[in-house]
């Protein structure tokens, strides 16, 4: 414990001896913490919050082997990625 106090006193003495280096270190820390906080805030707002679908617990992802069922290419480019008849069967 005595060694830690000695090291802290020495660190404070060195920081007070060179105020320019101290100011640069404090500025670098402040910019780093501020940038990290702002990036996390943007990521949280964009990626981590709810997507606003409403009733997110009911959303599902449907995957399957559509080639085996001859479903690929049965829809036009402007419609969905699967045929409407199987999609009706999948509805909850």
C-alpha atoms as a PDB file:
ATOM      1  CA  UNK A   1       0.000   0.000   0.000  1.00  0.00           C
ATOM      2  CA  UNK A   2       2.869   2.329   0.794  1.00  0.00           C
ATOM      3  CA  UNK A   3       4.373   1.750  -2.666  1.00  0.00           C
ATOM      4  CA  UNK A   4       1.076   2.658  -4.348  1.00  0.00           C
ATOM      5  CA  UNK A   5       0.867   5.957  -2.458  1.00  0.00           C
ATOM      6  CA  UNK A   6       4.469   6.726  -3.350  1.00  0.00           C
ATOM      7  CA  UNK A   7       3.748   6.015  -7.024  1.00  0.00           C
ATOM      8  CA  UNK A   8       0.640   8.219  -6.972  1.00  0.00           C
ATOM      9  CA  UNK A   9       2.546  11.116  -5.391  1.00  0.00           C
ATOM     10  CA  UNK A  10       5.266  10.738  -8.002  1.00  0.00           C
ATOM     11  CA  UNK A  11       2.675  10.683 -10.834  1.00  0.00           C
ATOM     12  CA  UNK A  12       0.978  13.847  -9.549  1.00  0.00           C
ATOM     13  CA  UNK A  13       4.340  15.572  -9.194  1.00  0.00           C
ATOM     14  CA  UNK A  14       5.262  14.686 -12.798  1.00  0.00           C
ATOM     15  CA  UNK A  15       1.890  15.823 -14.112  1.00  0.00           C
ATOM     16  CA  UNK A  16       2.227  19.158 -12.340  1.00  0.00           C
ATOM     17  CA  UNK A  17       5.752  19.590 -13.665  1.00  0.00           C
ATOM     18  CA  UNK A  18       4.632  19.273 -17.316  1.00  0.00           C
ATOM     19  CA  UNK A  19       1.228  20.954 -17.689  1.00  0.00           C
ATOM     20  CA  UNK A  20       1.298  20.782 -21.508  1.00  0.00           C
ATOM     21  CA  UNK A  21       1.602  17.004 -21.537  1.00  0.00           C
ATOM     22  CA  UNK A  22      -1.059  16.779 -18.839  1.00  0.00           C
ATOM     23  CA  UNK A  23      -3.455  18.916 -20.877  1.00  0.00           C
ATOM     24  CA  UNK A  24      -2.805  16.838 -24.005  1.00  0.00           C
ATOM     25  CA  UNK A  25      -3.435  13.588 -22.130  1.00  0.00           C
ATOM     26  CA  UNK A  26      -6.666  14.886 -20.589  1.00  0.00           C
ATOM     27  CA  UNK A  27      -7.818  16.206 -23.978  1.00  0.00           C
ATOM     28  CA  UNK A  28      -7.076  12.875 -25.677  1.00  0.00           C
ATOM     29  CA  UNK A  29      -8.998  10.985 -23.004  1.00  0.00           C
ATOM     30  CA  UNK A  30     -11.951  13.385 -23.235  1.00  0.00           C
ATOM     31  CA  UNK A  31     -12.097  13.094 -27.041  1.00  0.00           C
ATOM     32  CA  UNK A  32     -11.857   9.303 -26.910  1.00  0.00           C
ATOM     33  CA  UNK A  33     -14.592   8.948 -24.310  1.00  0.00           C
ATOM     34  CA  UNK A  34     -16.825  11.450 -26.130  1.00  0.00           C
ATOM     35  CA  UNK A  35     -16.366   9.743 -29.506  1.00  0.00           C
ATOM     36  CA  UNK A  36     -17.074   6.316 -28.033  1.00  0.00           C
ATOM     37  CA  UNK A  37     -20.208   7.573 -26.317  1.00  0.00           C
ATOM     38  CA  UNK A  38     -21.552   9.279 -29.422  1.00  0.00           C
ATOM     39  CA  UNK A  39     -20.888   6.272 -31.668  1.00  0.00           C
ATOM     40  CA  UNK A  40     -22.593   3.956 -29.203  1.00  0.00           C
ATOM     41  CA  UNK A  41     -25.571   6.317 -28.996  1.00  0.00           C
ATOM     42  CA  UNK A  42     -25.969   6.332 -32.776  1.00  0.00           C
ATOM     43  CA  UNK A  43     -25.607   2.552 -33.001  1.00  0.00           C
ATOM     44  CA  UNK A  44     -28.112   2.075 -30.207  1.00  0.00           C
ATOM     45  CA  UNK A  45     -30.637   4.351 -31.896  1.00  0.00           C
ATOM     46  CA  UNK A  46     -30.189   2.765 -35.324  1.00  0.00           C
ATOM     47  CA  UNK A  47     -29.520  -0.908 -34.660  1.00  0.00           C
ATOM     48  CA  UNK A  48     -30.482  -1.903 -31.140  1.00  0.00           C
ATOM     49  CA  UNK A  49     -33.862  -0.297 -30.592  1.00  0.00           C
ATOM     50  CA  UNK A  50     -37.094  -1.874 -31.665  1.00  0.00           C
ATOM     51  CA  UNK A  51     -37.759  -1.716 -35.383  1.00  0.00           C
ATOM     52  CA  UNK A  52     -41.286  -0.460 -34.861  1.00  0.00           C
ATOM     53  CA  UNK A  53     -43.152  -3.351 -36.429  1.00  0.00           C
ATOM     54  CA  UNK A  54     -45.532  -3.702 -33.540  1.00  0.00           C
ATOM     55  CA  UNK A  55     -45.965  -7.093 -31.907  1.00  0.00           C
ATOM     56  CA  UNK A  56     -42.342  -8.041 -32.547  1.00  0.00           C
ATOM     57  CA  UNK A  57     -42.878 -11.289 -30.662  1.00  0.00           C
ATOM     58  CA  UNK A  58     -45.044 -12.523 -33.541  1.00  0.00           C
ATOM     59  CA  UNK A  59     -42.456 -11.924 -36.279  1.00  0.00           C
ATOM     60  CA  UNK A  60     -41.030 -15.080 -37.794  1.00  0.00           C
ATOM     61  CA  UNK A  61     -38.464 -16.004 -40.415  1.00  0.00           C
ATOM     62  CA  UNK A  62     -39.468 -18.697 -42.904  1.00  0.00           C
ATOM     63  CA  UNK A  63     -36.737 -20.811 -44.414  1.00  0.00           C
ATOM     64  CA  UNK A  64     -36.857 -24.018 -46.326  1.00  0.00           C
ATOM     65  CA  UNK A  65     -35.685 -26.020 -49.290  1.00  0.00           C
ATOM     66  CA  UNK A  66     -37.681 -24.306 -52.010  1.00  0.00           C
ATOM     67  CA  UNK A  67     -35.895 -26.075 -54.859  1.00  0.00           C
ATOM     68  CA  UNK A  68     -37.181 -29.435 -53.657  1.00  0.00           C
ATOM     69  CA  UNK A  69     -40.717 -28.037 -53.679  1.00  0.00           C
ATOM     70  CA  UNK A  70     -40.339 -26.356 -57.100  1.00  0.00           C
ATOM     71  CA  UNK A  71     -41.083 -22.952 -55.627  1.00  0.00           C
ATOM     72  CA  UNK A  72     -38.130 -21.034 -57.056  1.00  0.00           C
ATOM     73  CA  UNK A  73     -39.018 -18.848 -59.990  1.00  0.00           C
ATOM     74  CA  UNK A  74     -42.748 -19.110 -59.518  1.00  0.00           C
ATOM     75  CA  UNK A  75     -43.178 -15.454 -58.591  1.00  0.00           C
ATOM     76  CA  UNK A  76     -42.685 -12.368 -60.668  1.00  0.00           C
ATOM     77  CA  UNK A  77     -39.866  -9.959 -59.813  1.00  0.00           C
ATOM     78  CA  UNK A  78     -42.351  -7.445 -58.429  1.00  0.00           C
ATOM     79  CA  UNK A  79     -43.993  -9.858 -55.994  1.00  0.00           C
ATOM     80  CA  UNK A  80     -42.673 -11.951 -53.115  1.00  0.00           C
ATOM     81  CA  UNK A  81     -39.930 -14.562 -53.002  1.00  0.00           C
ATOM     82  CA  UNK A  82     -42.322 -17.498 -52.712  1.00  0.00           C
ATOM     83  CA  UNK A  83     -45.603 -18.550 -54.237  1.00  0.00           C
ATOM     84  CA  UNK A  84     -48.766 -17.292 -52.650  1.00  0.00           C
ATOM     85  CA  UNK A  85     -50.329 -20.724 -52.094  1.00  0.00           C
ATOM     86  CA  UNK A  86     -47.546 -22.036 -49.785  1.00  0.00           C
ATOM     87  CA  UNK A  87     -47.405 -18.655 -48.089  1.00  0.00           C
ATOM     88  CA  UNK A  88     -51.091 -18.973 -47.221  1.00  0.00           C
ATOM     89  CA  UNK A  89     -50.393 -22.358 -45.624  1.00  0.00           C
ATOM     90  CA  UNK A  90     -47.606 -20.818 -43.498  1.00  0.00           C
ATOM     91  CA  UNK A  91     -49.811 -18.078 -42.046  1.00  0.00           C
ATOM     92  CA  UNK A  92     -50.421 -18.260 -38.336  1.00  0.00           C
END
